[in-house]
């Protein structure tokens, strides 16, 4: 798990959904009837709200409670990595071709293909040294 504690994770996620939805503290406090000072403590990571308040916020933002209380930073890193792969497939037709060919391949077939590509890459870098 992250170095962040539960209060800090909740605050980070709450602030994220506030920004995403263009909501200020006053908006949410007025809409849901939270005391402003209490809500500020939540957004600053000073206090962890009760589960009923978390549920109210989740409903307000149209998300799951887990979206507010769980550390999603590792998932975002994985999404960034996937986005990079998709971008590579989009920009380079030869990568798309390689992916299509490998789609029905067994794990062993893919491992062999990787070794062959690595061999070619190593061979071409050896020629560059000459």
Protein backbone atom coordinates (compact mmCIF):
# COMPACT_ATOMS: atom_id res chain seq x y z
CA UNK A 1 0.00 0.00 0.00
CA UNK A 2 0.97 3.65 -0.33
CA UNK A 3 2.76 5.69 2.30
CA UNK A 4 -0.41 7.73 2.63
CA UNK A 5 -2.75 6.99 5.56
CA UNK A 6 -6.49 6.55 5.22
CA UNK A 7 -7.26 10.21 5.99
CA UNK A 8 -4.77 11.42 3.40
CA UNK A 9 -5.98 8.97 0.74
CA UNK A 10 -9.57 10.04 1.34
CA UNK A 11 -8.61 13.73 1.17
CA UNK A 12 -6.69 13.20 -2.07
CA UNK A 13 -9.62 11.35 -3.67
CA UNK A 14 -12.19 13.84 -2.37
CA UNK A 15 -10.22 16.77 -3.78
CA UNK A 16 -9.85 14.91 -7.08
CA UNK A 17 -13.62 14.46 -7.44
CA UNK A 18 -14.25 18.04 -6.36
CA UNK A 19 -11.92 19.29 -9.10
CA UNK A 20 -13.32 16.84 -11.64
CA UNK A 21 -16.87 18.06 -10.99
CA UNK A 22 -16.00 21.74 -10.54
CA UNK A 23 -17.31 21.81 -6.99
CA UNK A 24 -16.07 24.11 -4.24
CA UNK A 25 -16.28 23.29 -0.54
CA UNK A 26 -19.17 25.73 -0.10
CA UNK A 27 -21.13 24.04 -2.89
CA UNK A 28 -20.88 20.62 -1.29
CA UNK A 29 -21.52 21.87 2.24
CA UNK A 30 -24.66 23.69 1.07
CA UNK A 31 -25.86 20.76 -1.04
CA UNK A 32 -25.28 18.07 1.58
CA UNK A 33 -25.60 20.05 4.83
CA UNK A 34 -22.06 19.45 6.10
CA UNK A 35 -20.49 21.97 8.48
CA UNK A 36 -17.83 23.86 6.51
CA UNK A 37 -15.13 23.35 9.17
CA UNK A 38 -15.75 19.58 9.26
CA UNK A 39 -15.65 19.33 5.48
CA UNK A 40 -12.42 21.35 5.43
CA UNK A 41 -10.89 18.87 7.88
CA UNK A 42 -11.82 16.06 5.47
CA UNK A 43 -10.33 17.82 2.44
CA UNK A 44 -7.12 18.56 4.35
CA UNK A 45 -6.75 14.99 5.61
CA UNK A 46 -7.09 15.95 9.27
CA UNK A 47 -10.19 13.86 10.01
CA UNK A 48 -11.71 10.74 8.46
CA UNK A 49 -15.49 10.97 7.95
CA UNK A 50 -18.02 8.40 9.11
CA UNK A 51 -19.15 5.85 6.54
CA UNK A 52 -22.59 7.47 6.14
CA UNK A 53 -20.91 10.73 5.11
CA UNK A 54 -18.64 8.86 2.69
CA UNK A 55 -21.74 7.25 1.19
CA UNK A 56 -23.42 10.65 0.80
CA UNK A 57 -20.34 11.99 -0.99
CA UNK A 58 -20.09 8.94 -3.23
CA UNK A 59 -23.73 9.35 -4.25
CA UNK A 60 -23.20 13.08 -4.77
CA UNK A 61 -20.29 12.49 -7.17
CA UNK A 62 -21.87 9.40 -8.75
CA UNK A 63 -19.00 7.12 -7.74
CA UNK A 64 -18.50 4.07 -5.53
CA UNK A 65 -17.47 4.49 -1.89
CA UNK A 66 -14.27 2.64 -2.78
CA UNK A 67 -13.42 5.44 -5.22
CA UNK A 68 -13.21 7.78 -2.25
CA UNK A 69 -11.46 5.56 0.28
CA UNK A 70 -9.01 3.43 -1.72
CA UNK A 71 -5.61 4.48 -3.03
CA UNK A 72 -6.06 4.59 -6.79
CA UNK A 73 -2.60 5.96 -7.65
CA UNK A 74 -1.25 2.54 -8.68
CA UNK A 75 -4.24 2.07 -10.99
CA UNK A 76 -3.57 5.45 -12.55
CA UNK A 77 0.05 4.42 -13.18
CA UNK A 78 -1.20 1.29 -14.96
CA UNK A 79 -3.64 3.38 -17.00
CA UNK A 80 -0.77 5.65 -18.04
CA UNK A 81 1.24 2.62 -19.14
CA UNK A 82 -1.71 1.27 -21.13
CA UNK A 83 -2.21 4.67 -22.73
CA UNK A 84 1.44 4.65 -23.82
CA UNK A 85 1.03 1.21 -25.38
CA UNK A 86 -2.14 2.25 -27.17
CA UNK A 87 -0.44 5.40 -28.42
CA UNK A 88 2.44 3.29 -29.75
CA UNK A 89 0.00 0.96 -31.53
CA UNK A 90 -1.77 3.95 -33.02
CA UNK A 91 1.38 5.75 -34.21
CA UNK A 92 3.32 2.77 -35.51
CA UNK A 93 1.53 0.49 -37.99
CA UNK A 94 4.30 -2.10 -37.72
CA UNK A 95 3.58 -2.45 -33.98
CA UNK A 96 -0.09 -2.93 -34.77
CA UNK A 97 0.87 -5.62 -37.29
CA UNK A 98 3.05 -7.35 -34.69
CA UNK A 99 0.22 -7.25 -32.15
CA UNK A 100 -2.27 -8.71 -34.64
CA UNK A 101 0.09 -11.57 -35.51
CA UNK A 102 0.76 -12.33 -31.85
CA UNK A 103 -2.91 -12.17 -30.85
CA UNK A 104 -3.59 -15.89 -31.35
CA UNK A 105 -0.10 -17.04 -30.37
CA UNK A 106 0.72 -19.18 -27.37
CA UNK A 107 2.86 -17.85 -24.55
CA UNK A 108 5.77 -19.93 -25.86
CA UNK A 109 5.34 -18.50 -29.37
CA UNK A 110 5.45 -14.95 -28.03
CA UNK A 111 8.53 -15.71 -25.92
CA UNK A 112 10.30 -17.12 -29.00
CA UNK A 113 9.34 -14.06 -31.05
CA UNK A 114 10.66 -11.76 -28.33
CA UNK A 115 13.98 -13.64 -28.31
CA UNK A 116 14.23 -13.32 -32.09
CA UNK A 117 13.52 -9.58 -31.96
CA UNK A 118 16.06 -9.14 -29.15
CA UNK A 119 18.61 -11.07 -31.21
CA UNK A 120 18.03 -8.76 -34.19
CA UNK A 121 18.27 -5.67 -31.99
CA UNK A 122 21.51 -6.87 -30.39
CA UNK A 123 22.93 -7.81 -33.78
CA UNK A 124 22.17 -4.38 -35.27
CA UNK A 125 23.74 -2.59 -32.29
CA UNK A 126 26.88 -4.74 -32.72
CA UNK A 127 27.09 -3.61 -36.35
CA UNK A 128 26.82 0.01 -35.26
CA UNK A 129 29.98 -0.47 -33.17
CA UNK A 130 32.00 -1.61 -36.21
